[in-house]
């Protein structure tokens, strides 16, 4: 079954509550929240205060994607704000196993994201501590980039490695009507869709199309 996690970064923040309600009515079960610090990636987005406000208006599962330097310094802030899954970057942590264990100790799902040029081999030793692996199919920091085709190989390989394990495989970047089928065909469980959903004239119709209905 396809799972689509809309990226709120592509929503209209002047109509955030109505946009969340609209995708909720369309049938989504989770939302993707991109946190950028202007250091690990060039852009700045929002912090825990906004996530706390989002948590107050929806019961959807909130997956928070930390694209920040020294992520463990801020875990508690984002956990306390209401994150249900907390994802940090493999490239940003020097204590991956303890970071994953800490997140799980707080009754939050632990995820790790990898950039397009990061090999998957380094993840193998952490599988027992992982609930979610997020494969970046563009370089993080900016929306609207084109999908990087060779990341499909990572999806296929990780789906084989994680077979039989309770680990979701997500894909983030350039997922739209033109790319979504091959992403799922290569083993993804979750796709992060931003402008491909929120910029549609009819969000319900576009969601159904992305779901292959």
C-alpha atoms as a PDB file:
ATOM      1  CA  UNK A   1       0.000   0.000   0.000  1.00  0.00           C
ATOM      2  CA  UNK A   2       1.247   3.481  -0.860  1.00  0.00           C
ATOM      3  CA  UNK A   3       1.818   6.002   1.925  1.00  0.00           C
ATOM      4  CA  UNK A   4       2.109   9.660   0.974  1.00  0.00           C
ATOM      5  CA  UNK A   5       3.476  12.149   3.478  1.00  0.00           C
ATOM      6  CA  UNK A   6       2.833  15.706   2.268  1.00  0.00           C
ATOM      7  CA  UNK A   7       5.677  18.142   2.899  1.00  0.00           C
ATOM      8  CA  UNK A   8       4.226  21.178   4.619  1.00  0.00           C
ATOM      9  CA  UNK A   9       7.103  23.275   3.312  1.00  0.00           C
ATOM     10  CA  UNK A  10       5.148  23.469   0.042  1.00  0.00           C
ATOM     11  CA  UNK A  11       1.896  24.511   1.695  1.00  0.00           C
ATOM     12  CA  UNK A  12       0.665  28.089   1.872  1.00  0.00           C
ATOM     13  CA  UNK A  13       1.561  29.111   5.426  1.00  0.00           C
ATOM     14  CA  UNK A  14      -1.088  31.847   5.388  1.00  0.00           C
ATOM     15  CA  UNK A  15      -3.650  29.031   5.008  1.00  0.00           C
ATOM     16  CA  UNK A  16      -1.817  26.314   6.903  1.00  0.00           C
ATOM     17  CA  UNK A  17      -4.745  25.022   8.961  1.00  0.00           C
ATOM     18  CA  UNK A  18      -6.997  24.746   5.907  1.00  0.00           C
ATOM     19  CA  UNK A  19      -4.255  23.064   3.872  1.00  0.00           C
ATOM     20  CA  UNK A  20      -3.728  20.500   6.627  1.00  0.00           C
ATOM     21  CA  UNK A  21      -7.478  19.873   6.810  1.00  0.00           C
ATOM     22  CA  UNK A  22      -7.622  19.494   3.045  1.00  0.00           C
ATOM     23  CA  UNK A  23      -4.930  16.815   2.830  1.00  0.00           C
ATOM     24  CA  UNK A  24      -6.407  15.101   5.886  1.00  0.00           C
ATOM     25  CA  UNK A  25      -9.762  14.886   4.121  1.00  0.00           C
ATOM     26  CA  UNK A  26      -7.990  13.635   1.005  1.00  0.00           C
ATOM     27  CA  UNK A  27      -6.810  10.598   2.969  1.00  0.00           C
ATOM     28  CA  UNK A  28      -3.244  11.211   4.189  1.00  0.00           C
ATOM     29  CA  UNK A  29      -2.172   9.637   7.491  1.00  0.00           C
ATOM     30  CA  UNK A  30       0.993  11.675   8.141  1.00  0.00           C
ATOM     31  CA  UNK A  31       2.698  14.994   7.480  1.00  0.00           C
ATOM     32  CA  UNK A  32       6.360  15.688   6.735  1.00  0.00           C
ATOM     33  CA  UNK A  33       7.945  18.656   8.505  1.00  0.00           C
ATOM     34  CA  UNK A  34      11.249  19.948   7.102  1.00  0.00           C
ATOM     35  CA  UNK A  35      13.453  21.676   9.658  1.00  0.00           C
ATOM     36  CA  UNK A  36      16.441  23.549   8.164  1.00  0.00           C
ATOM     37  CA  UNK A  37      19.007  25.554  10.109  1.00  0.00           C
ATOM     38  CA  UNK A  38      20.799  27.611   7.438  1.00  0.00           C
ATOM     39  CA  UNK A  39      23.993  25.711   8.259  1.00  0.00           C
ATOM     40  CA  UNK A  40      23.671  22.009   7.439  1.00  0.00           C
ATOM     41  CA  UNK A  41      21.613  23.195   4.468  1.00  0.00           C
ATOM     42  CA  UNK A  42      21.459  26.739   3.076  1.00  0.00           C
ATOM     43  CA  UNK A  43      17.826  27.480   3.825  1.00  0.00           C
ATOM     44  CA  UNK A  44      16.015  28.310   7.059  1.00  0.00           C
ATOM     45  CA  UNK A  45      12.536  27.024   7.843  1.00  0.00           C
ATOM     46  CA  UNK A  46      10.617  26.630  11.098  1.00  0.00           C
ATOM     47  CA  UNK A  47      11.336  25.352  14.588  1.00  0.00           C
ATOM     48  CA  UNK A  48       9.573  23.491  17.397  1.00  0.00           C
ATOM     49  CA  UNK A  49       7.087  26.286  18.096  1.00  0.00           C
ATOM     50  CA  UNK A  50       5.433  25.823  14.693  1.00  0.00           C
ATOM     51  CA  UNK A  51       5.384  22.044  15.117  1.00  0.00           C
ATOM     52  CA  UNK A  52       3.660  22.444  18.475  1.00  0.00           C
ATOM     53  CA  UNK A  53       1.015  24.588  16.783  1.00  0.00           C
ATOM     54  CA  UNK A  54       0.538  21.998  14.034  1.00  0.00           C
ATOM     55  CA  UNK A  55       0.199  19.242  16.643  1.00  0.00           C
ATOM     56  CA  UNK A  56      -2.600  21.215  18.267  1.00  0.00           C
ATOM     57  CA  UNK A  57      -4.743  21.213  15.117  1.00  0.00           C
ATOM     58  CA  UNK A  58      -4.260  17.699  13.723  1.00  0.00           C
ATOM     59  CA  UNK A  59      -4.070  14.088  14.851  1.00  0.00           C
ATOM     60  CA  UNK A  60      -1.989  13.108  11.818  1.00  0.00           C
ATOM     61  CA  UNK A  61       1.361  11.411  12.438  1.00  0.00           C
ATOM     62  CA  UNK A  62       4.071  14.091  12.346  1.00  0.00           C
ATOM     63  CA  UNK A  63       7.421  13.054  10.908  1.00  0.00           C
ATOM     64  CA  UNK A  64      10.018  15.737  11.583  1.00  0.00           C
ATOM     65  CA  UNK A  65      13.051  15.798   9.289  1.00  0.00           C
ATOM     66  CA  UNK A  66      15.971  17.566  10.945  1.00  0.00           C
ATOM     67  CA  UNK A  67      18.308  19.000   8.319  1.00  0.00           C
ATOM     68  CA  UNK A  68      20.442  20.603  11.002  1.00  0.00           C
ATOM     69  CA  UNK A  69      23.940  20.498  12.454  1.00  0.00           C
ATOM     70  CA  UNK A  70      24.375  18.788  15.843  1.00  0.00           C
ATOM     71  CA  UNK A  71      20.838  17.388  15.779  1.00  0.00           C
ATOM     72  CA  UNK A  72      21.016  15.694  19.195  1.00  0.00           C
ATOM     73  CA  UNK A  73      21.206  19.092  20.892  1.00  0.00           C
ATOM     74  CA  UNK A  74      17.637  19.712  19.758  1.00  0.00           C
ATOM     75  CA  UNK A  75      16.007  16.281  20.014  1.00  0.00           C
ATOM     76  CA  UNK A  76      14.090  17.131  23.176  1.00  0.00           C
ATOM     77  CA  UNK A  77      12.751  20.353  21.661  1.00  0.00           C
ATOM     78  CA  UNK A  78      11.244  18.534  18.692  1.00  0.00           C
ATOM     79  CA  UNK A  79      10.056  15.552  20.716  1.00  0.00           C
ATOM     80  CA  UNK A  80       8.322  17.829  23.220  1.00  0.00           C
ATOM     81  CA  UNK A  81       6.765  19.799  20.364  1.00  0.00           C
ATOM     82  CA  UNK A  82       4.889  16.658  19.299  1.00  0.00           C
ATOM     83  CA  UNK A  83       6.986  14.831  16.691  1.00  0.00           C
ATOM     84  CA  UNK A  84       5.866  11.207  16.293  1.00  0.00           C
ATOM     85  CA  UNK A  85       8.874  10.277  14.153  1.00  0.00           C
ATOM     86  CA  UNK A  86      12.165  12.148  14.427  1.00  0.00           C
ATOM     87  CA  UNK A  87      14.611  11.885  11.525  1.00  0.00           C
ATOM     88  CA  UNK A  88      18.177  13.187  11.575  1.00  0.00           C
ATOM     89  CA  UNK A  89      20.866  13.047   8.917  1.00  0.00           C
ATOM     90  CA  UNK A  90      23.513  10.351   8.848  1.00  0.00           C
ATOM     91  CA  UNK A  91      25.949  13.030   7.677  1.00  0.00           C
ATOM     92  CA  UNK A  92      25.216  15.292  10.681  1.00  0.00           C
ATOM     93  CA  UNK A  93      25.704  12.849  13.562  1.00  0.00           C
ATOM     94  CA  UNK A  94      28.865  11.443  15.130  1.00  0.00           C
ATOM     95  CA  UNK A  95      26.913   9.262  17.581  1.00  0.00           C
ATOM     96  CA  UNK A  96      24.306   7.575  15.409  1.00  0.00           C
ATOM     97  CA  UNK A  97      23.520   4.536  17.540  1.00  0.00           C
ATOM     98  CA  UNK A  98      23.125   6.466  20.783  1.00  0.00           C
ATOM     99  CA  UNK A  99      21.062   9.121  18.985  1.00  0.00           C
ATOM    100  CA  UNK A 100      18.658   6.503  17.628  1.00  0.00           C
ATOM    101  CA  UNK A 101      18.387   4.800  21.020  1.00  0.00           C
ATOM    102  CA  UNK A 102      17.693   8.112  22.720  1.00  0.00           C
ATOM    103  CA  UNK A 103      14.841   8.963  20.364  1.00  0.00           C
ATOM    104  CA  UNK A 104      13.271   5.531  20.826  1.00  0.00           C
ATOM    105  CA  UNK A 105      13.635   5.820  24.613  1.00  0.00           C
ATOM    106  CA  UNK A 106      11.247   8.776  24.402  1.00  0.00           C
ATOM    107  CA  UNK A 107       8.581   6.615  22.727  1.00  0.00           C
ATOM    108  CA  UNK A 108       9.183   8.305  19.384  1.00  0.00           C
ATOM    109  CA  UNK A 109       9.993   6.536  16.115  1.00  0.00           C
ATOM    110  CA  UNK A 110      13.663   6.959  15.145  1.00  0.00           C
ATOM    111  CA  UNK A 111      14.654   7.715  11.572  1.00  0.00           C
ATOM    112  CA  UNK A 112      17.819   8.474   9.660  1.00  0.00           C
ATOM    113  CA  UNK A 113      18.137  10.320   6.350  1.00  0.00           C
ATOM    114  CA  UNK A 114      20.896   9.874   3.786  1.00  0.00           C
ATOM    115  CA  UNK A 115      21.937  12.287   1.073  1.00  0.00           C
ATOM    116  CA  UNK A 116      22.065  11.190  -2.587  1.00  0.00           C
ATOM    117  CA  UNK A 117      25.858  10.774  -2.488  1.00  0.00           C
ATOM    118  CA  UNK A 118      25.925   8.762   0.766  1.00  0.00           C
ATOM    119  CA  UNK A 119      26.304   4.995   0.408  1.00  0.00           C
ATOM    120  CA  UNK A 120      23.872   2.718   2.228  1.00  0.00           C
ATOM    121  CA  UNK A 121      26.565   0.396   3.622  1.00  0.00           C
ATOM    122  CA  UNK A 122      27.027   2.543   6.717  1.00  0.00           C
ATOM    123  CA  UNK A 123      23.389   2.020   7.719  1.00  0.00           C
ATOM    124  CA  UNK A 124      23.551  -1.746   8.081  1.00  0.00           C
ATOM    125  CA  UNK A 125      24.947  -1.726  11.617  1.00  0.00           C
ATOM    126  CA  UNK A 126      22.055   0.430  12.840  1.00  0.00           C
ATOM    127  CA  UNK A 127      19.092  -1.503  11.450  1.00  0.00           C
ATOM    128  CA  UNK A 128      18.007  -2.895  14.831  1.00  0.00           C
ATOM    129  CA  UNK A 129      17.621   0.656  16.129  1.00  0.00           C
ATOM    130  CA  UNK A 130      15.811   2.103  13.114  1.00  0.00           C
ATOM    131  CA  UNK A 131      12.117   2.626  12.453  1.00  0.00           C
ATOM    132  CA  UNK A 132      12.533   4.715   9.310  1.00  0.00           C
ATOM    133  CA  UNK A 133      15.120   5.294   6.593  1.00  0.00           C
ATOM    134  CA  UNK A 134      14.657   8.405   4.451  1.00  0.00           C
ATOM    135  CA  UNK A 135      16.446   8.333   1.099  1.00  0.00           C
ATOM    136  CA  UNK A 136      17.043  11.800  -0.289  1.00  0.00           C
ATOM    137  CA  UNK A 137      16.444  11.752  -4.044  1.00  0.00           C
ATOM    138  CA  UNK A 138      17.589  15.379  -4.328  1.00  0.00           C
ATOM    139  CA  UNK A 139      20.222  17.250  -2.333  1.00  0.00           C
ATOM    140  CA  UNK A 140      18.521  18.709   0.748  1.00  0.00           C
ATOM    141  CA  UNK A 141      17.867  22.371   1.272  1.00  0.00           C
ATOM    142  CA  UNK A 142      15.787  23.506  -1.685  1.00  0.00           C
ATOM    143  CA  UNK A 143      12.431  22.460  -3.105  1.00  0.00           C
ATOM    144  CA  UNK A 144      11.657  21.988  -6.772  1.00  0.00           C
ATOM    145  CA  UNK A 145      14.782  20.001  -7.717  1.00  0.00           C
ATOM    146  CA  UNK A 146      14.707  17.207 -10.273  1.00  0.00           C
ATOM    147  CA  UNK A 147      14.618  13.612  -9.118  1.00  0.00           C
ATOM    148  CA  UNK A 148      18.058  11.900  -9.121  1.00  0.00           C
ATOM    149  CA  UNK A 149      17.503   8.648 -10.994  1.00  0.00           C
ATOM    150  CA  UNK A 150      20.389   6.634  -9.545  1.00  0.00           C
ATOM    151  CA  UNK A 151      18.843   6.842  -6.058  1.00  0.00           C
ATOM    152  CA  UNK A 152      16.417   4.183  -7.297  1.00  0.00           C
ATOM    153  CA  UNK A 153      19.212   1.658  -6.821  1.00  0.00           C
ATOM    154  CA  UNK A 154      19.395   2.551  -3.116  1.00  0.00           C
ATOM    155  CA  UNK A 155      15.659   2.089  -2.751  1.00  0.00           C
ATOM    156  CA  UNK A 156      15.772  -1.366  -4.268  1.00  0.00           C
ATOM    157  CA  UNK A 157      18.813  -2.428  -2.236  1.00  0.00           C
ATOM    158  CA  UNK A 158      17.431  -1.125   1.063  1.00  0.00           C
ATOM    159  CA  UNK A 159      14.030  -2.685   0.477  1.00  0.00           C
ATOM    160  CA  UNK A 160      15.776  -6.059   0.128  1.00  0.00           C
ATOM    161  CA  UNK A 161      17.976  -5.486   3.193  1.00  0.00           C
ATOM    162  CA  UNK A 162      14.994  -4.406   5.325  1.00  0.00           C
ATOM    163  CA  UNK A 163      12.659  -7.178   4.186  1.00  0.00           C
ATOM    164  CA  UNK A 164      10.940  -8.693   7.221  1.00  0.00           C
ATOM    165  CA  UNK A 165      11.939  -5.791   9.468  1.00  0.00           C
ATOM    166  CA  UNK A 166       9.640  -3.093  10.845  1.00  0.00           C
ATOM    167  CA  UNK A 167      11.464  -0.296   9.023  1.00  0.00           C
ATOM    168  CA  UNK A 168       9.696   2.118   6.701  1.00  0.00           C
ATOM    169  CA  UNK A 169      11.625   3.290   3.658  1.00  0.00           C
ATOM    170  CA  UNK A 170      10.814   6.847   2.653  1.00  0.00           C
ATOM    171  CA  UNK A 171      11.875   8.851  -0.388  1.00  0.00           C
ATOM    172  CA  UNK A 172      12.147  12.627  -0.354  1.00  0.00           C
ATOM    173  CA  UNK A 173      12.750  14.910  -3.321  1.00  0.00           C
ATOM    174  CA  UNK A 174      11.328  15.345  -6.794  1.00  0.00           C
ATOM    175  CA  UNK A 175       8.460  12.907  -6.251  1.00  0.00           C
ATOM    176  CA  UNK A 176       5.523  13.762  -8.488  1.00  0.00           C
ATOM    177  CA  UNK A 177       3.194  12.118 -11.010  1.00  0.00           C
ATOM    178  CA  UNK A 178       6.107  11.461 -13.361  1.00  0.00           C
ATOM    179  CA  UNK A 179       8.316   9.717 -10.794  1.00  0.00           C
ATOM    180  CA  UNK A 180       6.087   8.233  -8.111  1.00  0.00           C
ATOM    181  CA  UNK A 181       5.355   4.884  -9.783  1.00  0.00           C
ATOM    182  CA  UNK A 182       9.012   3.949 -10.187  1.00  0.00           C
ATOM    183  CA  UNK A 183       9.751   4.991  -6.603  1.00  0.00           C
ATOM    184  CA  UNK A 184       7.165   2.539  -5.287  1.00  0.00           C
ATOM    185  CA  UNK A 185       8.230  -0.068  -7.840  1.00  0.00           C
ATOM    186  CA  UNK A 186      11.734   0.073  -6.331  1.00  0.00           C
ATOM    187  CA  UNK A 187      10.560  -0.713  -2.815  1.00  0.00           C
ATOM    188  CA  UNK A 188       9.630   2.559  -1.123  1.00  0.00           C
ATOM    189  CA  UNK A 189       6.893   2.565   1.515  1.00  0.00           C
ATOM    190  CA  UNK A 190       6.506   6.327   1.955  1.00  0.00           C
ATOM    191  CA  UNK A 191       6.911   9.179  -0.507  1.00  0.00           C
ATOM    192  CA  UNK A 192       7.352  12.785   0.544  1.00  0.00           C
ATOM    193  CA  UNK A 193       5.365  14.925  -1.870  1.00  0.00           C
ATOM    194  CA  UNK A 194       5.419  18.712  -1.670  1.00  0.00           C
ATOM    195  CA  UNK A 195       4.631  20.904  -4.652  1.00  0.00           C
ATOM    196  CA  UNK A 196       3.414  17.822  -6.541  1.00  0.00           C
ATOM    197  CA  UNK A 197       0.415  17.830  -4.202  1.00  0.00           C
ATOM    198  CA  UNK A 198      -0.016  21.286  -2.671  1.00  0.00           C
ATOM    199  CA  UNK A 199       0.351  23.177  -5.957  1.00  0.00           C
ATOM    200  CA  UNK A 200      -2.396  21.165  -7.626  1.00  0.00           C
ATOM    201  CA  UNK A 201      -5.666  22.927  -8.405  1.00  0.00           C
ATOM    202  CA  UNK A 202      -7.589  19.975  -6.968  1.00  0.00           C
ATOM    203  CA  UNK A 203      -5.701  18.393  -4.057  1.00  0.00           C
ATOM    204  CA  UNK A 204      -8.120  15.475  -3.661  1.00  0.00           C
ATOM    205  CA  UNK A 205      -7.876  14.591  -7.352  1.00  0.00           C
ATOM    206  CA  UNK A 206      -4.083  14.885  -7.313  1.00  0.00           C
ATOM    207  CA  UNK A 207      -3.805  12.755  -4.172  1.00  0.00           C
ATOM    208  CA  UNK A 208      -5.882  10.022  -5.826  1.00  0.00           C
ATOM    209  CA  UNK A 209      -3.645  10.192  -8.910  1.00  0.00           C
ATOM    210  CA  UNK A 210      -0.490   9.940  -6.787  1.00  0.00           C
ATOM    211  CA  UNK A 211      -2.013   6.935  -4.998  1.00  0.00           C
ATOM    212  CA  UNK A 212      -2.516   5.289  -8.398  1.00  0.00           C
ATOM    213  CA  UNK A 213      -6.297   5.354  -8.119  1.00  0.00           C
END
